[in-house]
């Protein structure tokens, strides 16, 4: 799930992920699923919105790599 996540170009030309509403870099967080298992999350450090979550770090890295290729960049 990636909802509300956008990108901006850094000075080095790489994509930096930000909250599409607040335009701030999200924080990494852990959340709990119903079964008590942890999930890896990105939370907006300003508005607190949950922007994305994954079951594993590997799934997070893979999805973010693919998302970076097609994310709409904010001006």
PDB file of N, CA and C in Angstrom:
ATOM      1  N   UNK A   1       0.838  -1.183   0.000  1.00  0.00           N
ATOM      2  CA  UNK A   1       0.000   0.000   0.000  1.00  0.00           C
ATOM      3  C   UNK A   1       0.879   1.240   0.000  1.00  0.00           C
ATOM      4  N   UNK A   2       0.688   2.105  -0.959  1.00  0.00           N
ATOM      5  CA  UNK A   2       1.348   3.401  -0.974  1.00  0.00           C
ATOM      6  C   UNK A   2       0.254   4.419  -1.285  1.00  0.00           C
ATOM      7  N   UNK A   3      -0.121   5.188  -0.279  1.00  0.00           N
ATOM      8  CA  UNK A   3      -1.214   6.134  -0.447  1.00  0.00           C
ATOM      9  C   UNK A   3      -0.795   7.480   0.123  1.00  0.00           C
ATOM     10  N   UNK A   4      -0.735   8.488  -0.709  1.00  0.00           N
ATOM     11  CA  UNK A   4      -0.345   9.806  -0.237  1.00  0.00           C
ATOM     12  C   UNK A   4       1.154  10.041  -0.281  1.00  0.00           C
ATOM     13  N   UNK A   5       1.880   9.129  -0.898  1.00  0.00           N
ATOM     14  CA  UNK A   5       3.327   9.276  -1.012  1.00  0.00           C
ATOM     15  C   UNK A   5       3.645   9.892  -2.369  1.00  0.00           C
ATOM     16  N   UNK A   6       4.498  10.899  -2.375  1.00  0.00           N
ATOM     17  CA  UNK A   6       4.902  11.571  -3.607  1.00  0.00           C
ATOM     18  C   UNK A   6       6.419  11.660  -3.610  1.00  0.00           C
ATOM     19  N   UNK A   7       6.956  12.277  -4.632  1.00  0.00           N
ATOM     20  CA  UNK A   7       8.403  12.415  -4.730  1.00  0.00           C
ATOM     21  C   UNK A   7       8.810  13.811  -5.133  1.00  0.00           C
ATOM     22  N   UNK A   8      10.018  14.169  -4.762  1.00  0.00           N
ATOM     23  CA  UNK A   8      10.658  15.400  -5.220  1.00  0.00           C
ATOM     24  C   UNK A   8      12.074  15.034  -5.628  1.00  0.00           C
ATOM     25  N   UNK A   9      12.655  15.787  -6.533  1.00  0.00           N
ATOM     26  CA  UNK A   9      14.050  15.542  -6.948  1.00  0.00           C
ATOM     27  C   UNK A   9      14.982  16.244  -5.981  1.00  0.00           C
ATOM     28  N   UNK A  10      15.967  15.520  -5.497  1.00  0.00           N
ATOM     29  CA  UNK A  10      16.977  16.127  -4.639  1.00  0.00           C
ATOM     30  C   UNK A  10      17.992  16.857  -5.512  1.00  0.00           C
ATOM     31  N   UNK A  11      18.874  17.599  -4.881  1.00  0.00           N
ATOM     32  CA  UNK A  11      19.919  18.304  -5.612  1.00  0.00           C
ATOM     33  C   UNK A  11      20.842  17.360  -6.364  1.00  0.00           C
ATOM     34  N   UNK A  12      20.909  16.108  -5.932  1.00  0.00           N
ATOM     35  CA  UNK A  12      21.768  15.115  -6.573  1.00  0.00           C
ATOM     36  C   UNK A  12      21.041  14.349  -7.668  1.00  0.00           C
ATOM     37  N   UNK A  13      19.770  14.710  -7.916  1.00  0.00           N
ATOM     38  CA  UNK A  13      19.007  14.059  -8.969  1.00  0.00           C
ATOM     39  C   UNK A  13      18.279  12.801  -8.559  1.00  0.00           C
ATOM     40  N   UNK A  14      18.331  12.411  -7.309  1.00  0.00           N
ATOM     41  CA  UNK A  14      17.611  11.239  -6.851  1.00  0.00           C
ATOM     42  C   UNK A  14      16.216  11.635  -6.372  1.00  0.00           C
ATOM     43  N   UNK A  15      15.320  10.673  -6.314  1.00  0.00           N
ATOM     44  CA  UNK A  15      13.965  10.915  -5.849  1.00  0.00           C
ATOM     45  C   UNK A  15      13.926  10.777  -4.330  1.00  0.00           C
ATOM     46  N   UNK A  16      13.339  11.782  -3.681  1.00  0.00           N
ATOM     47  CA  UNK A  16      13.127  11.751  -2.231  1.00  0.00           C
ATOM     48  C   UNK A  16      11.629  11.630  -2.014  1.00  0.00           C
ATOM     49  N   UNK A  17      11.209  10.661  -1.206  1.00  0.00           N
ATOM     50  CA  UNK A  17       9.788  10.473  -0.942  1.00  0.00           C
ATOM     51  C   UNK A  17       9.317  11.472   0.104  1.00  0.00           C
ATOM     52  N   UNK A  18       8.107  12.027  -0.129  1.00  0.00           N
ATOM     53  CA  UNK A  18       7.499  12.983   0.792  1.00  0.00           C
ATOM     54  C   UNK A  18       5.999  12.713   0.871  1.00  0.00           C
ATOM     55  N   UNK A  19       5.369  13.233   1.920  1.00  0.00           N
ATOM     56  CA  UNK A  19       3.916  13.220   2.039  1.00  0.00           C
ATOM     57  C   UNK A  19       3.370  14.155   0.962  1.00  0.00           C
ATOM     58  N   UNK A  20       2.417  13.690   0.166  1.00  0.00           N
ATOM     59  CA  UNK A  20       1.896  14.521  -0.921  1.00  0.00           C
ATOM     60  C   UNK A  20       1.098  15.713  -0.396  1.00  0.00           C
ATOM     61  N   UNK A  21       0.605  15.633   0.821  1.00  0.00           N
ATOM     62  CA  UNK A  21      -0.161  16.733   1.410  1.00  0.00           C
ATOM     63  C   UNK A  21       0.760  17.769   2.054  1.00  0.00           C
ATOM     64  N   UNK A  22       1.681  17.315   2.885  1.00  0.00           N
ATOM     65  CA  UNK A  22       2.524  18.217   3.686  1.00  0.00           C
ATOM     66  C   UNK A  22       3.882  18.514   3.043  1.00  0.00           C
ATOM     67  N   UNK A  23       4.287  17.651   2.111  1.00  0.00           N
ATOM     68  CA  UNK A  23       5.582  17.778   1.441  1.00  0.00           C
ATOM     69  C   UNK A  23       6.771  17.692   2.400  1.00  0.00           C
ATOM     70  N   UNK A  24       6.637  16.842   3.411  1.00  0.00           N
ATOM     71  CA  UNK A  24       7.744  16.578   4.332  1.00  0.00           C
ATOM     72  C   UNK A  24       8.126  15.105   4.222  1.00  0.00           C
ATOM     73  N   UNK A  25       9.375  14.812   4.536  1.00  0.00           N
ATOM     74  CA  UNK A  25       9.892  13.445   4.476  1.00  0.00           C
ATOM     75  C   UNK A  25       9.240  12.614   5.589  1.00  0.00           C
ATOM     76  N   UNK A  26       8.723  11.434   5.254  1.00  0.00           N
ATOM     77  CA  UNK A  26       8.075  10.596   6.260  1.00  0.00           C
ATOM     78  C   UNK A  26       9.079   9.906   7.176  1.00  0.00           C
ATOM     79  N   UNK A  27       8.579   9.493   8.314  1.00  0.00           N
ATOM     80  CA  UNK A  27       9.366   8.731   9.276  1.00  0.00           C
ATOM     81  C   UNK A  27       9.088   7.246   9.094  1.00  0.00           C
ATOM     82  N   UNK A  28      10.104   6.417   9.356  1.00  0.00           N
ATOM     83  CA  UNK A  28       9.903   4.975   9.405  1.00  0.00           C
ATOM     84  C   UNK A  28       9.278   4.641  10.741  1.00  0.00           C
ATOM     85  N   UNK A  29       8.344   3.692  10.734  1.00  0.00           N
ATOM     86  CA  UNK A  29       7.679   3.294  11.973  1.00  0.00           C
ATOM     87  C   UNK A  29       7.328   1.819  11.892  1.00  0.00           C
ATOM     88  N   UNK A  30       6.967   1.265  13.041  1.00  0.00           N
ATOM     89  CA  UNK A  30       6.477  -0.105  13.106  1.00  0.00           C
ATOM     90  C   UNK A  30       5.035  -0.052  13.585  1.00  0.00           C
ATOM     91  N   UNK A  31       4.192  -0.902  13.009  1.00  0.00           N
ATOM     92  CA  UNK A  31       2.800  -1.005  13.438  1.00  0.00           C
ATOM     93  C   UNK A  31       2.480  -2.454  13.710  1.00  0.00           C
ATOM     94  N   UNK A  32       1.349  -2.703  14.321  1.00  0.00           N
ATOM     95  CA  UNK A  32       0.946  -4.073  14.647  1.00  0.00           C
ATOM     96  C   UNK A  32      -0.253  -4.470  13.804  1.00  0.00           C
ATOM     97  N   UNK A  33      -0.191  -5.670  13.232  1.00  0.00           N
ATOM     98  CA  UNK A  33      -1.336  -6.229  12.528  1.00  0.00           C
ATOM     99  C   UNK A  33      -2.221  -6.923  13.551  1.00  0.00           C
ATOM    100  N   UNK A  34      -3.374  -7.389  13.121  1.00  0.00           N
ATOM    101  CA  UNK A  34      -4.318  -8.048  14.024  1.00  0.00           C
ATOM    102  C   UNK A  34      -3.719  -9.232  14.768  1.00  0.00           C
ATOM    103  N   UNK A  35      -2.831  -9.951  14.126  1.00  0.00           N
ATOM    104  CA  UNK A  35      -2.242 -11.145  14.742  1.00  0.00           C
ATOM    105  C   UNK A  35      -1.058 -10.806  15.631  1.00  0.00           C
ATOM    106  N   UNK A  36      -0.797  -9.516  15.837  1.00  0.00           N
ATOM    107  CA  UNK A  36       0.317  -9.117  16.671  1.00  0.00           C
ATOM    108  C   UNK A  36       1.638  -9.064  15.943  1.00  0.00           C
ATOM    109  N   UNK A  37       1.620  -9.321  14.625  1.00  0.00           N
ATOM    110  CA  UNK A  37       2.845  -9.259  13.844  1.00  0.00           C
ATOM    111  C   UNK A  37       3.151  -7.810  13.490  1.00  0.00           C
ATOM    112  N   UNK A  38       4.415  -7.480  13.447  1.00  0.00           N
ATOM    113  CA  UNK A  38       4.805  -6.120  13.115  1.00  0.00           C
ATOM    114  C   UNK A  38       4.779  -5.890  11.613  1.00  0.00           C
ATOM    115  N   UNK A  39       4.428  -4.670  11.214  1.00  0.00           N
ATOM    116  CA  UNK A  39       4.535  -4.241   9.827  1.00  0.00           C
ATOM    117  C   UNK A  39       5.431  -3.012   9.802  1.00  0.00           C
ATOM    118  N   UNK A  40       6.063  -2.802   8.670  1.00  0.00           N
ATOM    119  CA  UNK A  40       6.957  -1.661   8.481  1.00  0.00           C
ATOM    120  C   UNK A  40       6.156  -0.565   7.792  1.00  0.00           C
ATOM    121  N   UNK A  41       6.247   0.655   8.292  1.00  0.00           N
ATOM    122  CA  UNK A  41       5.399   1.737   7.809  1.00  0.00           C
ATOM    123  C   UNK A  41       6.196   2.999   7.503  1.00  0.00           C
ATOM    124  N   UNK A  42       5.606   3.855   6.676  1.00  0.00           N
ATOM    125  CA  UNK A  42       6.064   5.224   6.499  1.00  0.00           C
ATOM    126  C   UNK A  42       4.927   6.109   6.999  1.00  0.00           C
ATOM    127  N   UNK A  43       5.234   6.991   7.950  1.00  0.00           N
ATOM    128  CA  UNK A  43       4.259   7.886   8.566  1.00  0.00           C
ATOM    129  C   UNK A  43       4.711   9.321   8.324  1.00  0.00           C
ATOM    130  N   UNK A  44       3.777  10.200   7.916  1.00  0.00           N
ATOM    131  CA  UNK A  44       4.122  11.607   7.735  1.00  0.00           C
ATOM    132  C   UNK A  44       4.500  12.192   9.085  1.00  0.00           C
ATOM    133  N   UNK A  45       5.662  12.833   9.143  1.00  0.00           N
ATOM    134  CA  UNK A  45       6.150  13.389  10.411  1.00  0.00           C
ATOM    135  C   UNK A  45       5.410  14.665  10.795  1.00  0.00           C
ATOM    136  N   UNK A  46       4.599  15.210   9.880  1.00  0.00           N
ATOM    137  CA  UNK A  46       3.844  16.432  10.196  1.00  0.00           C
ATOM    138  C   UNK A  46       2.377  16.123  10.512  1.00  0.00           C
ATOM    139  N   UNK A  47       1.664  15.477   9.588  1.00  0.00           N
ATOM    140  CA  UNK A  47       0.231  15.236   9.796  1.00  0.00           C
ATOM    141  C   UNK A  47      -0.075  13.876  10.419  1.00  0.00           C
ATOM    142  N   UNK A  48       0.904  12.970  10.470  1.00  0.00           N
ATOM    143  CA  UNK A  48       0.715  11.665  11.091  1.00  0.00           C
ATOM    144  C   UNK A  48       0.014  10.637  10.223  1.00  0.00           C
ATOM    145  N   UNK A  49      -0.219  10.948   8.954  1.00  0.00           N
ATOM    146  CA  UNK A  49      -0.894  10.001   8.056  1.00  0.00           C
ATOM    147  C   UNK A  49      -0.006   8.796   7.768  1.00  0.00           C
ATOM    148  N   UNK A  50      -0.618   7.619   7.746  1.00  0.00           N
ATOM    149  CA  UNK A  50       0.088   6.403   7.341  1.00  0.00           C
ATOM    150  C   UNK A  50       0.148   6.396   5.819  1.00  0.00           C
ATOM    151  N   UNK A  51       1.346   6.484   5.266  1.00  0.00           N
ATOM    152  CA  UNK A  51       1.527   6.602   3.826  1.00  0.00           C
ATOM    153  C   UNK A  51       1.770   5.268   3.137  1.00  0.00           C
ATOM    154  N   UNK A  52       2.325   4.308   3.862  1.00  0.00           N
ATOM    155  CA  UNK A  52       2.612   3.009   3.265  1.00  0.00           C
ATOM    156  C   UNK A  52       2.904   2.000   4.364  1.00  0.00           C
ATOM    157  N   UNK A  53       2.688   0.717   4.059  1.00  0.00           N
ATOM    158  CA  UNK A  53       3.050  -0.342   5.005  1.00  0.00           C
ATOM    159  C   UNK A  53       3.371  -1.627   4.263  1.00  0.00           C
ATOM    160  N   UNK A  54       4.266  -2.397   4.852  1.00  0.00           N
ATOM    161  CA  UNK A  54       4.741  -3.656   4.271  1.00  0.00           C
ATOM    162  C   UNK A  54       4.955  -4.688   5.369  1.00  0.00           C
ATOM    163  N   UNK A  55       4.892  -5.965   4.973  1.00  0.00           N
ATOM    164  CA  UNK A  55       5.123  -7.059   5.915  1.00  0.00           C
ATOM    165  C   UNK A  55       6.597  -7.296   6.195  1.00  0.00           C
ATOM    166  N   UNK A  56       7.457  -6.977   5.215  1.00  0.00           N
ATOM    167  CA  UNK A  56       8.894  -7.211   5.375  1.00  0.00           C
ATOM    168  C   UNK A  56       9.684  -6.020   4.843  1.00  0.00           C
ATOM    169  N   UNK A  57      10.918  -5.908   5.293  1.00  0.00           N
ATOM    170  CA  UNK A  57      11.801  -4.862   4.785  1.00  0.00           C
ATOM    171  C   UNK A  57      12.090  -5.094   3.306  1.00  0.00           C
ATOM    172  N   UNK A  58      12.234  -6.351   2.923  1.00  0.00           N
ATOM    173  CA  UNK A  58      12.507  -6.672   1.526  1.00  0.00           C
ATOM    174  C   UNK A  58      11.354  -6.217   0.630  1.00  0.00           C
ATOM    175  N   UNK A  59      10.121  -6.445   1.066  1.00  0.00           N
ATOM    176  CA  UNK A  59       8.948  -6.006   0.301  1.00  0.00           C
ATOM    177  C   UNK A  59       8.920  -4.485   0.209  1.00  0.00           C
ATOM    178  N   UNK A  60       9.291  -3.812   1.298  1.00  0.00           N
ATOM    179  CA  UNK A  60       9.334  -2.350   1.303  1.00  0.00           C
ATOM    180  C   UNK A  60      10.339  -1.839   0.276  1.00  0.00           C
ATOM    181  N   UNK A  61      11.550  -2.379   0.310  1.00  0.00           N
ATOM    182  CA  UNK A  61      12.594  -1.918  -0.596  1.00  0.00           C
ATOM    183  C   UNK A  61      12.218  -2.159  -2.061  1.00  0.00           C
ATOM    184  N   UNK A  62      11.656  -3.320  -2.350  1.00  0.00           N
ATOM    185  CA  UNK A  62      11.264  -3.645  -3.717  1.00  0.00           C
ATOM    186  C   UNK A  62      10.173  -2.698  -4.207  1.00  0.00           C
ATOM    187  N   UNK A  63       9.126  -2.490  -3.408  1.00  0.00           N
ATOM    188  CA  UNK A  63       8.027  -1.631  -3.840  1.00  0.00           C
ATOM    189  C   UNK A  63       8.466  -0.178  -3.981  1.00  0.00           C
ATOM    190  N   UNK A  64       9.318   0.308  -3.076  1.00  0.00           N
ATOM    191  CA  UNK A  64       9.786   1.688  -3.178  1.00  0.00           C
ATOM    192  C   UNK A  64      10.685   1.900  -4.390  1.00  0.00           C
ATOM    193  N   UNK A  65      11.502   0.902  -4.749  1.00  0.00           N
ATOM    194  CA  UNK A  65      12.322   1.002  -5.964  1.00  0.00           C
ATOM    195  C   UNK A  65      11.437   1.140  -7.200  1.00  0.00           C
ATOM    196  N   UNK A  66      10.398   0.317  -7.282  1.00  0.00           N
ATOM    197  CA  UNK A  66       9.482   0.370  -8.416  1.00  0.00           C
ATOM    198  C   UNK A  66       8.676   1.671  -8.404  1.00  0.00           C
ATOM    199  N   UNK A  67       8.250   2.098  -7.230  1.00  0.00           N
ATOM    200  CA  UNK A  67       7.475   3.327  -7.091  1.00  0.00           C
ATOM    201  C   UNK A  67       8.297   4.543  -7.514  1.00  0.00           C
ATOM    202  N   UNK A  68       9.578   4.539  -7.218  1.00  0.00           N
ATOM    203  CA  UNK A  68      10.462   5.662  -7.571  1.00  0.00           C
ATOM    204  C   UNK A  68      10.554   5.853  -9.082  1.00  0.00           C
ATOM    205  N   UNK A  69      10.380   4.780  -9.843  1.00  0.00           N
ATOM    206  CA  UNK A  69      10.467   4.851 -11.301  1.00  0.00           C
ATOM    207  C   UNK A  69       9.247   5.539 -11.907  1.00  0.00           C
ATOM    208  N   UNK A  70       8.104   5.482 -11.208  1.00  0.00           N
ATOM    209  CA  UNK A  70       6.874   5.997 -11.807  1.00  0.00           C
ATOM    210  C   UNK A  70       6.182   7.083 -10.978  1.00  0.00           C
ATOM    211  N   UNK A  71       6.764   7.465  -9.851  1.00  0.00           N
ATOM    212  CA  UNK A  71       6.114   8.449  -8.981  1.00  0.00           C
ATOM    213  C   UNK A  71       6.026   9.815  -9.675  1.00  0.00           C
ATOM    214  N   UNK A  72       4.903  10.476  -9.464  1.00  0.00           N
ATOM    215  CA  UNK A  72       4.737  11.836  -9.988  1.00  0.00           C
ATOM    216  C   UNK A  72       5.507  12.783  -9.089  1.00  0.00           C
ATOM    217  N   UNK A  73       6.422  13.533  -9.687  1.00  0.00           N
ATOM    218  CA  UNK A  73       7.253  14.448  -8.906  1.00  0.00           C
ATOM    219  C   UNK A  73       6.521  15.764  -8.675  1.00  0.00           C
ATOM    220  N   UNK A  74       6.601  16.255  -7.436  1.00  0.00           N
ATOM    221  CA  UNK A  74       6.003  17.531  -7.083  1.00  0.00           C
ATOM    222  C   UNK A  74       6.932  18.661  -7.515  1.00  0.00           C
ATOM    223  N   UNK A  75       6.368  19.764  -7.871  1.00  0.00           N
ATOM    224  CA  UNK A  75       7.179  20.923  -8.300  1.00  0.00           C
ATOM    225  C   UNK A  75       7.792  21.612  -7.108  1.00  0.00           C
TER     226      UNK A  75
END
